Amino acid sequence: MESDYKLYRGDCLKMIDQLPDRSVDLMLTDPPYNISRENRFWSMNRQSMDFGVWDHDFDLTGWIAPAMQKIAKNGAVIIFNSWHNLGVIANELERNGMDVKDCIRWEKTNPMPRNRDRRYVADFEAAVWAVKQRGKWTFNRQDSKY
């Protein structure tokens, strides 16, 4: 196992300029989903779903162009977001030198409660996985079975 790695924690929009171009092997990010809104969850004693100022009117794709300049020749990006936004994110990644390979589905064991009498429970998070165009990305299969 290699020990020459760095893990950054912080506001991507403030830290991205500190990274050298083509220096990031994997960018794993979970930007705001822009899903804060008024709703009608009276049955659950919640009249709105507000995740904070950071989720209000976030520029969903404006950060992608500068961020993809940081991805190494053989690097990748995984972006978690609402399934509603995945197509928009995927299109912007492709416009910025990335090949979208897959949608990742992460099953949640503790999904957010919602009105189960009127909707399905969202028991997963979705992410887009993309690699640098013409790169030789790494994929570590975890099981010998298909």
N, C-alpha and C. Protein backbone atom coordinates (compact mmCIF):
# COMPACT_ATOMS: atom_id res chain seq x y z
N MET A 1 0.84 -1.18 0.00
CA MET A 1 0.00 0.00 0.00
C MET A 1 0.88 1.24 0.00
N GLU A 2 0.53 2.17 -0.85
CA GLU A 2 1.33 3.38 -0.94
C GLU A 2 1.04 4.30 0.24
N SER A 3 2.07 5.02 0.66
CA SER A 3 1.89 5.93 1.78
C SER A 3 2.09 7.38 1.38
N ASP A 4 2.24 7.65 0.09
CA ASP A 4 2.46 9.02 -0.35
C ASP A 4 1.16 9.64 -0.87
N TYR A 5 0.22 9.87 0.03
CA TYR A 5 -1.05 10.46 -0.35
C TYR A 5 -1.35 11.61 0.59
N LYS A 6 -2.25 12.47 0.14
CA LYS A 6 -2.73 13.57 0.97
C LYS A 6 -4.24 13.57 0.91
N LEU A 7 -4.85 13.79 2.03
CA LEU A 7 -6.29 13.88 2.12
C LEU A 7 -6.60 15.32 2.53
N TYR A 8 -7.43 15.99 1.74
CA TYR A 8 -7.80 17.37 2.03
C TYR A 8 -9.23 17.40 2.53
N ARG A 9 -9.46 18.20 3.54
CA ARG A 9 -10.80 18.37 4.07
C ARG A 9 -11.06 19.86 4.16
N GLY A 10 -12.11 20.29 3.54
CA GLY A 10 -12.44 21.71 3.58
C GLY A 10 -13.38 22.08 2.47
N ASP A 11 -13.62 23.35 2.34
CA ASP A 11 -14.49 23.88 1.32
C ASP A 11 -13.77 23.84 -0.02
N CYS A 12 -14.24 23.00 -0.90
CA CYS A 12 -13.61 22.80 -2.21
C CYS A 12 -13.46 24.12 -2.96
N LEU A 13 -14.46 24.97 -2.89
CA LEU A 13 -14.42 26.23 -3.64
C LEU A 13 -13.30 27.14 -3.15
N LYS A 14 -12.91 26.98 -1.90
CA LYS A 14 -11.82 27.80 -1.35
C LYS A 14 -10.46 27.13 -1.51
N MET A 15 -10.43 25.81 -1.56
CA MET A 15 -9.17 25.07 -1.58
C MET A 15 -8.68 24.67 -2.97
N ILE A 16 -9.55 24.68 -3.96
CA ILE A 16 -9.21 24.12 -5.26
C ILE A 16 -8.01 24.82 -5.91
N ASP A 17 -7.89 26.12 -5.74
CA ASP A 17 -6.78 26.85 -6.35
C ASP A 17 -5.43 26.52 -5.73
N GLN A 18 -5.43 25.95 -4.54
CA GLN A 18 -4.18 25.58 -3.88
C GLN A 18 -3.56 24.31 -4.47
N LEU A 19 -4.34 23.55 -5.18
CA LEU A 19 -3.85 22.28 -5.74
C LEU A 19 -3.19 22.51 -7.09
N PRO A 20 -2.05 21.88 -7.34
CA PRO A 20 -1.43 21.98 -8.66
C PRO A 20 -2.29 21.29 -9.72
N ASP A 21 -2.28 21.83 -10.94
CA ASP A 21 -3.00 21.19 -12.04
C ASP A 21 -2.48 19.77 -12.25
N ARG A 22 -3.40 18.86 -12.62
CA ARG A 22 -3.11 17.46 -12.93
C ARG A 22 -2.41 16.73 -11.77
N SER A 23 -2.77 17.07 -10.54
CA SER A 23 -2.11 16.46 -9.37
C SER A 23 -3.02 15.54 -8.56
N VAL A 24 -4.29 15.49 -8.89
CA VAL A 24 -5.26 14.76 -8.07
C VAL A 24 -5.60 13.42 -8.75
N ASP A 25 -5.34 12.33 -8.04
CA ASP A 25 -5.66 11.00 -8.57
C ASP A 25 -7.15 10.67 -8.42
N LEU A 26 -7.76 11.06 -7.32
CA LEU A 26 -9.18 10.83 -7.11
C LEU A 26 -9.77 12.02 -6.36
N MET A 27 -10.79 12.59 -6.94
CA MET A 27 -11.55 13.64 -6.26
C MET A 27 -12.90 13.02 -5.91
N LEU A 28 -13.17 12.91 -4.63
CA LEU A 28 -14.42 12.36 -4.12
C LEU A 28 -15.15 13.50 -3.44
N THR A 29 -16.32 13.86 -3.95
CA THR A 29 -16.98 15.05 -3.42
C THR A 29 -18.49 14.86 -3.33
N ASP A 30 -19.10 15.61 -2.46
CA ASP A 30 -20.53 15.54 -2.19
C ASP A 30 -21.06 16.97 -2.09
N PRO A 31 -21.13 17.68 -3.23
CA PRO A 31 -21.55 19.08 -3.19
C PRO A 31 -23.02 19.22 -2.85
N PRO A 32 -23.47 20.42 -2.51
CA PRO A 32 -24.89 20.63 -2.21
C PRO A 32 -25.78 20.15 -3.35
N TYR A 33 -26.97 19.67 -2.96
CA TYR A 33 -27.90 19.09 -3.92
C TYR A 33 -28.95 20.10 -4.42
N ASN A 34 -29.02 21.27 -3.80
CA ASN A 34 -30.06 22.27 -4.11
C ASN A 34 -31.46 21.68 -3.90
N ILE A 35 -31.65 21.00 -2.78
CA ILE A 35 -32.96 20.38 -2.53
C ILE A 35 -33.71 21.00 -1.36
N SER A 36 -33.13 22.05 -0.73
CA SER A 36 -33.87 22.74 0.32
C SER A 36 -35.08 23.41 -0.29
N ARG A 37 -36.24 23.21 0.33
CA ARG A 37 -37.45 23.80 -0.22
C ARG A 37 -38.59 23.67 0.78
N GLU A 38 -39.62 24.45 0.51
CA GLU A 38 -40.86 24.29 1.25
C GLU A 38 -41.51 22.99 0.79
N ASN A 39 -42.20 22.33 1.69
CA ASN A 39 -42.91 21.11 1.30
C ASN A 39 -44.15 20.94 2.16
N ARG A 40 -44.78 19.81 2.04
CA ARG A 40 -46.03 19.56 2.77
C ARG A 40 -45.91 18.32 3.63
N PHE A 41 -44.87 18.31 4.47
CA PHE A 41 -44.65 17.16 5.35
C PHE A 41 -45.39 17.33 6.68
N TRP A 42 -46.60 17.88 6.64
CA TRP A 42 -47.32 18.09 7.89
C TRP A 42 -47.53 16.78 8.63
N SER A 43 -47.68 15.69 7.88
CA SER A 43 -47.91 14.41 8.53
C SER A 43 -46.70 13.97 9.35
N MET A 44 -45.54 14.54 9.04
CA MET A 44 -44.32 14.19 9.78
C MET A 44 -43.88 15.35 10.67
N ASN A 45 -44.78 16.35 10.85
CA ASN A 45 -44.51 17.52 11.67
C ASN A 45 -43.31 18.32 11.13
N ARG A 46 -43.17 18.35 9.79
CA ARG A 46 -42.11 19.14 9.15
C ARG A 46 -42.73 19.86 7.96
N GLN A 47 -42.71 21.19 7.99
CA GLN A 47 -43.30 21.94 6.89
C GLN A 47 -42.26 22.39 5.86
N SER A 48 -40.99 22.17 6.12
CA SER A 48 -39.97 22.53 5.14
C SER A 48 -38.79 21.58 5.27
N MET A 49 -37.96 21.61 4.27
CA MET A 49 -36.75 20.79 4.28
C MET A 49 -35.61 21.74 3.95
N ASP A 50 -34.98 22.30 4.99
CA ASP A 50 -33.94 23.30 4.80
C ASP A 50 -32.65 22.77 5.38
N PHE A 51 -31.68 22.51 4.50
CA PHE A 51 -30.40 21.95 4.93
C PHE A 51 -29.36 23.01 5.24
N GLY A 52 -29.72 24.28 5.07
CA GLY A 52 -28.80 25.36 5.39
C GLY A 52 -28.51 26.24 4.18
N VAL A 53 -27.93 27.38 4.45
CA VAL A 53 -27.63 28.36 3.42
C VAL A 53 -26.78 27.76 2.30
N TRP A 54 -25.87 26.88 2.65
CA TRP A 54 -24.98 26.27 1.66
C TRP A 54 -25.73 25.50 0.59
N ASP A 55 -26.98 25.11 0.84
CA ASP A 55 -27.76 24.34 -0.13
C ASP A 55 -28.72 25.23 -0.93
N HIS A 56 -28.75 26.51 -0.65
CA HIS A 56 -29.64 27.42 -1.36
C HIS A 56 -28.94 27.96 -2.60
N ASP A 57 -29.49 27.71 -3.76
CA ASP A 57 -28.99 28.28 -5.02
C ASP A 57 -27.52 28.00 -5.27
N PHE A 58 -27.04 26.84 -4.89
CA PHE A 58 -25.65 26.45 -5.18
C PHE A 58 -25.48 26.29 -6.69
N ASP A 59 -24.37 26.78 -7.23
CA ASP A 59 -24.06 26.62 -8.65
C ASP A 59 -23.61 25.18 -8.85
N LEU A 60 -24.51 24.36 -9.32
CA LEU A 60 -24.32 22.92 -9.40
C LEU A 60 -23.14 22.50 -10.27
N THR A 61 -22.84 23.26 -11.32
CA THR A 61 -21.79 22.85 -12.24
C THR A 61 -20.63 23.84 -12.38
N GLY A 62 -20.75 25.03 -11.84
CA GLY A 62 -19.73 26.06 -12.02
C GLY A 62 -18.36 25.68 -11.47
N TRP A 63 -18.30 24.82 -10.51
CA TRP A 63 -17.04 24.40 -9.89
C TRP A 63 -16.34 23.30 -10.68
N ILE A 64 -17.06 22.64 -11.60
CA ILE A 64 -16.52 21.46 -12.28
C ILE A 64 -15.34 21.81 -13.18
N ALA A 65 -15.42 22.85 -13.97
CA ALA A 65 -14.32 23.19 -14.90
C ALA A 65 -13.00 23.40 -14.17
N PRO A 66 -12.94 24.26 -13.15
CA PRO A 66 -11.65 24.41 -12.45
C PRO A 66 -11.21 23.15 -11.72
N ALA A 67 -12.16 22.37 -11.21
CA ALA A 67 -11.80 21.16 -10.49
C ALA A 67 -11.22 20.10 -11.41
N MET A 68 -11.75 19.97 -12.62
CA MET A 68 -11.27 18.94 -13.53
C MET A 68 -9.86 19.25 -14.05
N GLN A 69 -9.43 20.51 -13.97
CA GLN A 69 -8.05 20.85 -14.32
C GLN A 69 -7.07 20.24 -13.33
N LYS A 70 -7.54 19.91 -12.16
CA LYS A 70 -6.68 19.35 -11.11
C LYS A 70 -6.53 17.84 -11.22
N ILE A 71 -7.40 17.18 -11.99
CA ILE A 71 -7.37 15.72 -12.10
C ILE A 71 -6.17 15.27 -12.93
N ALA A 72 -5.44 14.29 -12.41
CA ALA A 72 -4.24 13.76 -13.07
C ALA A 72 -4.61 13.04 -14.37
N LYS A 73 -3.62 12.80 -15.20
CA LYS A 73 -3.82 12.16 -16.51
C LYS A 73 -4.61 10.85 -16.39
N ASN A 74 -4.35 10.07 -15.38
CA ASN A 74 -5.03 8.80 -15.17
C ASN A 74 -6.00 8.86 -13.99
N GLY A 75 -6.44 10.05 -13.64
CA GLY A 75 -7.26 10.26 -12.46
C GLY A 75 -8.75 10.08 -12.69
N ALA A 76 -9.49 10.22 -11.60
CA ALA A 76 -10.93 10.02 -11.61
C ALA A 76 -11.62 10.97 -10.65
N VAL A 77 -12.91 11.08 -10.82
CA VAL A 77 -13.74 11.87 -9.92
C VAL A 77 -15.00 11.08 -9.62
N ILE A 78 -15.45 11.15 -8.37
CA ILE A 78 -16.74 10.59 -7.96
C ILE A 78 -17.51 11.72 -7.31
N ILE A 79 -18.69 12.00 -7.85
CA ILE A 79 -19.51 13.11 -7.36
C ILE A 79 -20.86 12.56 -6.90
N PHE A 80 -21.09 12.64 -5.60
CA PHE A 80 -22.40 12.26 -5.05
C PHE A 80 -23.35 13.43 -5.24
N ASN A 81 -24.61 13.12 -5.53
CA ASN A 81 -25.61 14.17 -5.64
C ASN A 81 -26.98 13.52 -5.76
N SER A 82 -28.00 14.35 -5.83
CA SER A 82 -29.35 13.85 -6.03
C SER A 82 -29.47 13.23 -7.41
N TRP A 83 -30.23 12.17 -7.53
CA TRP A 83 -30.40 11.53 -8.83
C TRP A 83 -30.98 12.51 -9.84
N HIS A 84 -31.70 13.53 -9.37
CA HIS A 84 -32.26 14.55 -10.26
C HIS A 84 -31.17 15.30 -11.03
N ASN A 85 -29.99 15.44 -10.41
CA ASN A 85 -28.93 16.27 -10.96
C ASN A 85 -27.85 15.50 -11.71
N LEU A 86 -27.90 14.18 -11.70
CA LEU A 86 -26.79 13.40 -12.25
C LEU A 86 -26.55 13.66 -13.74
N GLY A 87 -27.60 13.82 -14.52
CA GLY A 87 -27.44 14.07 -15.96
C GLY A 87 -26.75 15.39 -16.23
N VAL A 88 -27.13 16.42 -15.50
CA VAL A 88 -26.52 17.75 -15.66
C VAL A 88 -25.04 17.68 -15.29
N ILE A 89 -24.74 17.00 -14.20
CA ILE A 89 -23.35 16.86 -13.75
C ILE A 89 -22.55 16.05 -14.77
N ALA A 90 -23.10 14.95 -15.26
CA ALA A 90 -22.40 14.11 -16.23
C ALA A 90 -22.09 14.89 -17.51
N ASN A 91 -23.05 15.66 -17.99
CA ASN A 91 -22.83 16.46 -19.20
C ASN A 91 -21.70 17.47 -19.00
N GLU A 92 -21.67 18.10 -17.84
CA GLU A 92 -20.61 19.09 -17.58
C GLU A 92 -19.24 18.42 -17.44
N LEU A 93 -19.20 17.24 -16.86
CA LEU A 93 -17.94 16.51 -16.78
C LEU A 93 -17.41 16.20 -18.18
N GLU A 94 -18.28 15.75 -19.06
CA GLU A 94 -17.85 15.43 -20.43
C GLU A 94 -17.37 16.67 -21.17
N ARG A 95 -18.00 17.82 -20.91
CA ARG A 95 -17.55 19.08 -21.53
C ARG A 95 -16.18 19.51 -21.02
N ASN A 96 -15.75 18.91 -19.91
CA ASN A 96 -14.49 19.31 -19.28
C ASN A 96 -13.47 18.18 -19.25
N GLY A 97 -13.45 17.37 -20.29
CA GLY A 97 -12.38 16.39 -20.48
C GLY A 97 -12.49 15.10 -19.73
N MET A 98 -13.69 14.75 -19.29
CA MET A 98 -13.88 13.52 -18.53
C MET A 98 -14.77 12.56 -19.31
N ASP A 99 -14.54 11.26 -19.12
CA ASP A 99 -15.41 10.20 -19.64
C ASP A 99 -16.23 9.67 -18.48
N VAL A 100 -17.53 9.78 -18.57
CA VAL A 100 -18.40 9.25 -17.52
C VAL A 100 -18.49 7.74 -17.72
N LYS A 101 -18.12 6.99 -16.70
CA LYS A 101 -18.08 5.53 -16.79
C LYS A 101 -19.32 4.87 -16.19
N ASP A 102 -19.75 5.31 -15.04
CA ASP A 102 -20.86 4.64 -14.37
C ASP A 102 -21.57 5.57 -13.41
N CYS A 103 -22.77 5.14 -13.08
CA CYS A 103 -23.51 5.71 -11.96
C CYS A 103 -23.33 4.71 -10.81
N ILE A 104 -22.94 5.20 -9.67
CA ILE A 104 -22.73 4.34 -8.50
C ILE A 104 -23.96 4.45 -7.61
N ARG A 105 -24.43 3.32 -7.14
CA ARG A 105 -25.57 3.29 -6.22
C ARG A 105 -25.07 2.77 -4.88
N TRP A 106 -25.17 3.62 -3.87
CA TRP A 106 -24.74 3.27 -2.52
C TRP A 106 -26.00 3.04 -1.68
N GLU A 107 -26.22 1.79 -1.28
CA GLU A 107 -27.40 1.47 -0.48
C GLU A 107 -27.21 1.96 0.95
N LYS A 108 -28.23 2.64 1.45
CA LYS A 108 -28.20 3.19 2.81
C LYS A 108 -28.95 2.25 3.75
N THR A 109 -28.35 1.98 4.88
CA THR A 109 -29.01 1.14 5.88
C THR A 109 -29.90 1.96 6.80
N ASN A 110 -29.76 3.29 6.75
CA ASN A 110 -30.55 4.16 7.61
C ASN A 110 -31.15 5.31 6.80
N PRO A 111 -32.04 5.00 5.84
CA PRO A 111 -32.58 6.06 4.98
C PRO A 111 -33.39 7.08 5.76
N MET A 112 -33.43 8.30 5.20
CA MET A 112 -34.20 9.39 5.81
C MET A 112 -35.68 9.03 5.79
N PRO A 113 -36.35 9.16 6.92
CA PRO A 113 -37.78 8.83 6.93
C PRO A 113 -38.56 9.80 6.05
N ARG A 114 -39.59 9.29 5.43
CA ARG A 114 -40.48 10.14 4.64
C ARG A 114 -41.86 9.54 4.69
N ASN A 115 -42.80 10.19 4.11
CA ASN A 115 -44.18 9.73 4.13
C ASN A 115 -44.30 8.44 3.32
N ARG A 116 -44.22 7.32 3.98
CA ARG A 116 -44.22 6.01 3.31
C ARG A 116 -45.56 5.64 2.72
N ASP A 117 -46.61 6.37 3.11
CA ASP A 117 -47.93 6.08 2.54
C ASP A 117 -48.10 6.70 1.15
N ARG A 118 -47.22 7.63 0.79
CA ARG A 118 -47.37 8.34 -0.49
C ARG A 118 -46.15 8.26 -1.40
N ARG A 119 -45.01 7.79 -0.87
CA ARG A 119 -43.79 7.75 -1.68
C ARG A 119 -42.93 6.57 -1.27
N TYR A 120 -42.00 6.19 -2.15
CA TYR A 120 -41.02 5.17 -1.81
C TYR A 120 -39.96 5.80 -0.91
N VAL A 121 -39.37 4.99 -0.06
CA VAL A 121 -38.29 5.46 0.80
C VAL A 121 -37.01 5.50 -0.04
N ALA A 122 -36.31 6.62 0.00
CA ALA A 122 -35.05 6.76 -0.74
C ALA A 122 -33.95 6.06 0.06
N ASP A 123 -33.66 4.82 -0.31
CA ASP A 123 -32.71 4.02 0.46
C ASP A 123 -31.34 3.95 -0.22
N PHE A 124 -31.02 4.96 -1.05
CA PHE A 124 -29.72 4.95 -1.72
C PHE A 124 -29.25 6.38 -1.97
N GLU A 125 -27.97 6.50 -2.16
CA GLU A 125 -27.35 7.73 -2.63
C GLU A 125 -26.75 7.40 -3.99
N ALA A 126 -26.73 8.36 -4.88
CA ALA A 126 -26.20 8.13 -6.22
C ALA A 126 -24.97 9.01 -6.44
N ALA A 127 -24.08 8.51 -7.28
CA ALA A 127 -22.88 9.26 -7.62
C ALA A 127 -22.52 8.99 -9.07
N VAL A 128 -21.82 9.94 -9.67
CA VAL A 128 -21.28 9.78 -11.02
C VAL A 128 -19.79 9.48 -10.87
N TRP A 129 -19.31 8.47 -11.58
CA TRP A 129 -17.88 8.14 -11.62
C TRP A 129 -17.39 8.47 -13.02
N ALA A 130 -16.37 9.32 -13.11
CA ALA A 130 -15.80 9.70 -14.40
C ALA A 130 -14.28 9.65 -14.31
N VAL A 131 -13.65 9.40 -15.46
CA VAL A 131 -12.19 9.33 -15.54
C VAL A 131 -11.72 10.30 -16.62
N LYS A 132 -10.46 10.66 -16.52
CA LYS A 132 -9.87 11.57 -17.51
C LYS A 132 -9.91 10.92 -18.89
N GLN A 133 -10.33 11.69 -19.90
CA GLN A 133 -10.36 11.16 -21.26
C GLN A 133 -8.95 10.72 -21.67
N ARG A 134 -8.89 9.59 -22.36
CA ARG A 134 -7.65 8.99 -22.85
C ARG A 134 -6.69 8.62 -21.73
N GLY A 135 -7.19 8.48 -20.52
CA GLY A 135 -6.36 8.07 -19.40
C GLY A 135 -6.40 6.56 -19.21
N LYS A 136 -5.52 6.07 -18.37
CA LYS A 136 -5.49 4.65 -17.99
C LYS A 136 -5.83 4.59 -16.51
N TRP A 137 -7.12 4.59 -16.22
CA TRP A 137 -7.58 4.66 -14.85
C TRP A 137 -7.40 3.33 -14.13
N THR A 138 -7.48 3.40 -12.82
CA THR A 138 -7.37 2.21 -11.97
C THR A 138 -8.77 1.81 -11.53
N PHE A 139 -9.05 0.51 -11.62
CA PHE A 139 -10.28 -0.04 -11.08
C PHE A 139 -9.92 -1.31 -10.33
N ASN A 140 -10.16 -1.34 -9.05
CA ASN A 140 -9.83 -2.49 -8.22
C ASN A 140 -11.10 -3.28 -7.94
N ARG A 141 -11.33 -4.29 -8.75
CA ARG A 141 -12.50 -5.15 -8.54
C ARG A 141 -12.38 -5.81 -7.18
N GLN A 142 -13.48 -5.82 -6.43
CA GLN A 142 -13.42 -6.31 -5.06
C GLN A 142 -13.81 -7.77 -4.89
N ASP A 143 -14.32 -8.38 -5.94
CA ASP A 143 -14.77 -9.76 -5.84
C ASP A 143 -14.50 -10.45 -7.18
N SER A 144 -14.16 -11.73 -7.13
CA SER A 144 -13.88 -12.45 -8.37
C SER A 144 -15.15 -12.80 -9.14
N LYS A 145 -16.30 -12.74 -8.45
CA LYS A 145 -17.58 -13.02 -9.11
C LYS A 145 -18.05 -11.77 -9.86
N TYR A 146 -18.84 -11.99 -10.90
CA TYR A 146 -19.37 -10.86 -11.67
C TYR A 146 -20.45 -10.19 -10.87
